[in-house]
Amino acid sequence: MNRRDLLKLTLTLGLANHALAAHNRYDEVRHPPMFYTFGAEENITPGIHRMQLDDRTIEITLPEREPSWVVLPEKVTSKGEDEAFLKMLRNKKKNQLTLLYVDWKYGFSDGVLLGRSSGGLEATLDVREHTEIWVKAPGVTTTLGKYTFKDKKLIELDYFKLDDFILAVHGDANPEPYWVEVINGRQWVRTIHWVRQPLRDMPPSYQEYFYTPLDQRRILKLRAGLYYSFNYDIPEGMPRWMQRLSRNITDVLCSLKISPPDDGSPDPFLIDPEMKAEATPVVFPARWR
């Protein structure tokens, strides 16, 4: 090998190492080690996968149809009393920790001509510092310090009461439909969103959200979504790629299991076996059920 070839090899390895270091730094910013523990190797193989979330275990099953991308840490820690931990959670992560992400993409073979239609499932833990909420109260004036609010009042919510929890995640002025689903014995509040894209001619993305409380300040949120490519009109039925995506997301949703807390504390959103047996199976998307 001459000096020129050696120089090329050195530059190539240097750029590769620089890119790897940049990726590692980005990953540390996105998944700080104080919150996340990952396995030695990425594992997106079909089958059962488990992760530890504080004092609970979350289990999902990836279907035989392998996803395009999976983010699934072995352990996520959201509870800590250390000031640096709380500051990082509040300021850097905005009191939200992504727990898992599963994504599927479909290309030209599925009839998509411009871009790629895709969809996926994301789980996020929402850590709330307060459990109060403003609600409409005609004729009521509320004063907080130097501020006055007419026809509103501030109430404290109990997240372990279903009506209070629905108010916490849905609000009292939200027109979007919602209903309660049961997945493997756990109750979830389910809503539908249409999200407008920044480009005017692009169709909106279709998203559904599922919420369940893990304690009085921690809410587990699932977001399941369909994202159309440029050339798609919103279909009345389900094209082939959407049928495949529907099966994949439905399989993962129906496999989701959350263990009770290790300390034996109550978990009112777990229902009794009779109600579990009578529950209607969850199907995604709800719009085409």
Foldseek 3Di string as FASTA:
>chain_A
DDPVVVVVVVVVVVVVVVVVVVVVVVVCLQPPPVFFAADPDDDQAFAKDWAAEAQKIKIWGFDNPTFPDKDATRYGYLDDDDPVSVCCCCPSVVQKHKHMKTKHWDDVVQPADFDIKIKIKTKMKHFAPFQKDKAFAAPDWDDDPPDIDHRIDIDGAACLDVVRVCCRVQNPPHPWDWDWAAAQQFIWIKTKDFADDPDNQAGTKIKMKIWHALHRGIIMIMIIIIGDGNPDDPDPAAGPVRVVSQVRRLNRRNRIDMDRGPVPDDGNRGHDPVVVVVGDRDTPPPVRD
